[in-house]
C-alpha atoms as a PDB file:
ATOM      1  CA  UNK A   1      31.621  70.004  30.539  1.00  0.00           C
ATOM      2  CA  UNK A   2      31.306  67.039  28.173  1.00  0.00           C
ATOM      3  CA  UNK A   3      27.895  66.838  26.539  1.00  0.00           C
ATOM      4  CA  UNK A   4      26.794  63.240  26.014  1.00  0.00           C
ATOM      5  CA  UNK A   5      24.511  63.111  22.977  1.00  0.00           C
ATOM      6  CA  UNK A   6      22.427  59.924  22.502  1.00  0.00           C
ATOM      7  CA  UNK A   7      21.735  60.844  18.854  1.00  0.00           C
ATOM      8  CA  UNK A   8      23.752  62.155  15.904  1.00  0.00           C
ATOM      9  CA  UNK A   9      22.933  62.843  12.254  1.00  0.00           C
ATOM     10  CA  UNK A  10      24.206  61.387   9.005  1.00  0.00           C
ATOM     11  CA  UNK A  11      25.105  63.841   6.233  1.00  0.00           C
ATOM     12  CA  UNK A  12      21.616  63.403   4.727  1.00  0.00           C
ATOM     13  CA  UNK A  13      19.961  64.270   8.074  1.00  0.00           C
ATOM     14  CA  UNK A  14      19.014  60.708   9.015  1.00  0.00           C
ATOM     15  CA  UNK A  15      19.139  60.104  12.762  1.00  0.00           C
ATOM     16  CA  UNK A  16      21.529  57.558  14.239  1.00  0.00           C
ATOM     17  CA  UNK A  17      21.039  56.491  17.858  1.00  0.00           C
ATOM     18  CA  UNK A  18      24.024  55.459  19.941  1.00  0.00           C
ATOM     19  CA  UNK A  19      22.809  51.834  19.999  1.00  0.00           C
ATOM     20  CA  UNK A  20      22.756  51.742  16.146  1.00  0.00           C
ATOM     21  CA  UNK A  21      25.761  50.643  14.096  1.00  0.00           C
ATOM     22  CA  UNK A  22      26.959  53.203  11.563  1.00  0.00           C
ATOM     23  CA  UNK A  23      30.255  53.470   9.715  1.00  0.00           C
ATOM     24  CA  UNK A  24      29.470  56.872   8.140  1.00  0.00           C
ATOM     25  CA  UNK A  25      30.690  60.228   9.449  1.00  0.00           C
ATOM     26  CA  UNK A  26      28.136  61.617  11.911  1.00  0.00           C
ATOM     27  CA  UNK A  27      27.309  65.202  12.822  1.00  0.00           C
ATOM     28  CA  UNK A  28      26.004  67.162  15.807  1.00  0.00           C
ATOM     29  CA  UNK A  29      22.286  68.048  15.643  1.00  0.00           C
ATOM     30  CA  UNK A  30      23.053  71.441  17.200  1.00  0.00           C
ATOM     31  CA  UNK A  31      26.174  72.763  15.445  1.00  0.00           C
ATOM     32  CA  UNK A  32      26.704  70.192  12.629  1.00  0.00           C
ATOM     33  CA  UNK A  33      30.264  69.544  13.849  1.00  0.00           C
ATOM     34  CA  UNK A  34      31.734  66.074  13.374  1.00  0.00           C
ATOM     35  CA  UNK A  35      30.894  63.566  16.101  1.00  0.00           C
ATOM     36  CA  UNK A  36      32.237  60.190  17.174  1.00  0.00           C
ATOM     37  CA  UNK A  37      30.656  57.418  19.194  1.00  0.00           C
ATOM     38  CA  UNK A  38      32.043  56.651  22.645  1.00  0.00           C
ATOM     39  CA  UNK A  39      31.295  53.105  23.754  1.00  0.00           C
ATOM     40  CA  UNK A  40      33.560  52.428  26.683  1.00  0.00           C
ATOM     41  CA  UNK A  41      32.852  50.713  29.971  1.00  0.00           C
ATOM     42  CA  UNK A  42      33.077  53.684  32.371  1.00  0.00           C
ATOM     43  CA  UNK A  43      30.372  55.979  30.982  1.00  0.00           C
ATOM     44  CA  UNK A  44      27.002  55.603  29.339  1.00  0.00           C
ATOM     45  CA  UNK A  45      27.475  55.139  25.571  1.00  0.00           C
ATOM     46  CA  UNK A  46      27.148  58.473  23.766  1.00  0.00           C
ATOM     47  CA  UNK A  47      28.266  60.662  20.885  1.00  0.00           C
ATOM     48  CA  UNK A  48      30.652  63.555  21.398  1.00  0.00           C
ATOM     49  CA  UNK A  49      32.375  66.076  19.151  1.00  0.00           C
ATOM     50  CA  UNK A  50      35.418  64.580  17.450  1.00  0.00           C
ATOM     51  CA  UNK A  51      37.546  67.645  18.238  1.00  0.00           C
ATOM     52  CA  UNK A  52      37.319  70.514  20.690  1.00  0.00           C
ATOM     53  CA  UNK A  53      34.168  72.343  19.711  1.00  0.00           C
ATOM     54  CA  UNK A  54      32.523  75.697  20.229  1.00  0.00           C
ATOM     55  CA  UNK A  55      29.119  74.028  20.080  1.00  0.00           C
ATOM     56  CA  UNK A  56      26.579  76.096  21.994  1.00  0.00           C
ATOM     57  CA  UNK A  57      24.844  72.870  23.070  1.00  0.00           C
ATOM     58  CA  UNK A  58      24.454  71.933  26.689  1.00  0.00           C
ATOM     59  CA  UNK A  59      23.291  68.804  28.479  1.00  0.00           C
ATOM     60  CA  UNK A  60      19.752  70.240  28.390  1.00  0.00           C
ATOM     61  CA  UNK A  61      20.044  70.850  24.664  1.00  0.00           C
ATOM     62  CA  UNK A  62      21.294  67.321  24.027  1.00  0.00           C
ATOM     63  CA  UNK A  63      18.401  65.794  25.955  1.00  0.00           C
ATOM     64  CA  UNK A  64      15.922  68.206  24.347  1.00  0.00           C
ATOM     65  CA  UNK A  65      17.063  67.210  20.855  1.00  0.00           C
ATOM     66  CA  UNK A  66      17.023  63.529  21.813  1.00  0.00           C
ATOM     67  CA  UNK A  67      13.392  63.758  22.961  1.00  0.00           C
ATOM     68  CA  UNK A  68      12.392  65.648  19.799  1.00  0.00           C
ATOM     69  CA  UNK A  69      13.985  62.899  17.709  1.00  0.00           C
ATOM     70  CA  UNK A  70      12.333  60.150  19.776  1.00  0.00           C
ATOM     71  CA  UNK A  71       8.937  61.765  19.140  1.00  0.00           C
ATOM     72  CA  UNK A  72       9.734  62.156  15.434  1.00  0.00           C
ATOM     73  CA  UNK A  73      10.718  58.473  15.213  1.00  0.00           C
ATOM     74  CA  UNK A  74       7.462  57.454  16.917  1.00  0.00           C
ATOM     75  CA  UNK A  75       5.404  59.565  14.468  1.00  0.00           C
ATOM     76  CA  UNK A  76       7.402  58.634  11.370  1.00  0.00           C
ATOM     77  CA  UNK A  77       4.867  56.070  10.132  1.00  0.00           C
ATOM     78  CA  UNK A  78       2.108  58.710  10.090  1.00  0.00           C
ATOM     79  CA  UNK A  79       3.672  60.822   7.346  1.00  0.00           C
ATOM     80  CA  UNK A  80       6.579  63.146   6.787  1.00  0.00           C
ATOM     81  CA  UNK A  81       8.133  64.217  10.085  1.00  0.00           C
ATOM     82  CA  UNK A  82      10.825  66.889  10.349  1.00  0.00           C
ATOM     83  CA  UNK A  83      12.534  68.022  13.526  1.00  0.00           C
ATOM     84  CA  UNK A  84      12.997  71.787  13.646  1.00  0.00           C
ATOM     85  CA  UNK A  85      16.311  73.224  14.680  1.00  0.00           C
ATOM     86  CA  UNK A  86      17.008  75.451  17.609  1.00  0.00           C
ATOM     87  CA  UNK A  87      14.435  78.177  18.237  1.00  0.00           C
ATOM     88  CA  UNK A  88      16.079  81.555  18.120  1.00  0.00           C
ATOM     89  CA  UNK A  89      13.412  84.228  18.203  1.00  0.00           C
ATOM     90  CA  UNK A  90      10.289  84.929  20.204  1.00  0.00           C
ATOM     91  CA  UNK A  91       8.192  84.824  17.013  1.00  0.00           C
ATOM     92  CA  UNK A  92       9.374  81.257  16.379  1.00  0.00           C
ATOM     93  CA  UNK A  93       8.348  80.342  19.931  1.00  0.00           C
ATOM     94  CA  UNK A  94       4.924  81.934  19.364  1.00  0.00           C
ATOM     95  CA  UNK A  95       4.495  79.860  16.200  1.00  0.00           C
ATOM     96  CA  UNK A  96       4.720  76.730  18.325  1.00  0.00           C
ATOM     97  CA  UNK A  97       1.702  77.852  20.292  1.00  0.00           C
ATOM     98  CA  UNK A  98      -0.625  77.708  17.326  1.00  0.00           C
ATOM     99  CA  UNK A  99       0.769  79.530  14.300  1.00  0.00           C
ATOM    100  CA  UNK A 100      -1.308  82.587  15.169  1.00  0.00           C
ATOM    101  CA  UNK A 101      -4.594  80.688  14.796  1.00  0.00           C
ATOM    102  CA  UNK A 102      -7.037  80.746  17.656  1.00  0.00           C
ATOM    103  CA  UNK A 103      -9.064  77.736  18.679  1.00  0.00           C
ATOM    104  CA  UNK A 104     -12.714  78.681  18.477  1.00  0.00           C
END
């Protein structure tokens, strides 16, 4: 299955959306593999890996990352915003629920 990413990253971590122009090498938000833009007429414009990849990403992952980056872009004017990488452990998931602090 071809995963169609709407967002890729520059080497410094800056996001590049498929509608942006960028001449720099871009990288996958999931596996950091090299990506290229695909802007043909048959499919929706997207980024894909430049070579066959073992990226663990899926269509759900691509859309999940895209939404995280959209939210980060919307909040960017409010201060420093950083998008976390893939959650791997249950303790990381629990941290998202409140960092162990209860609301009293």
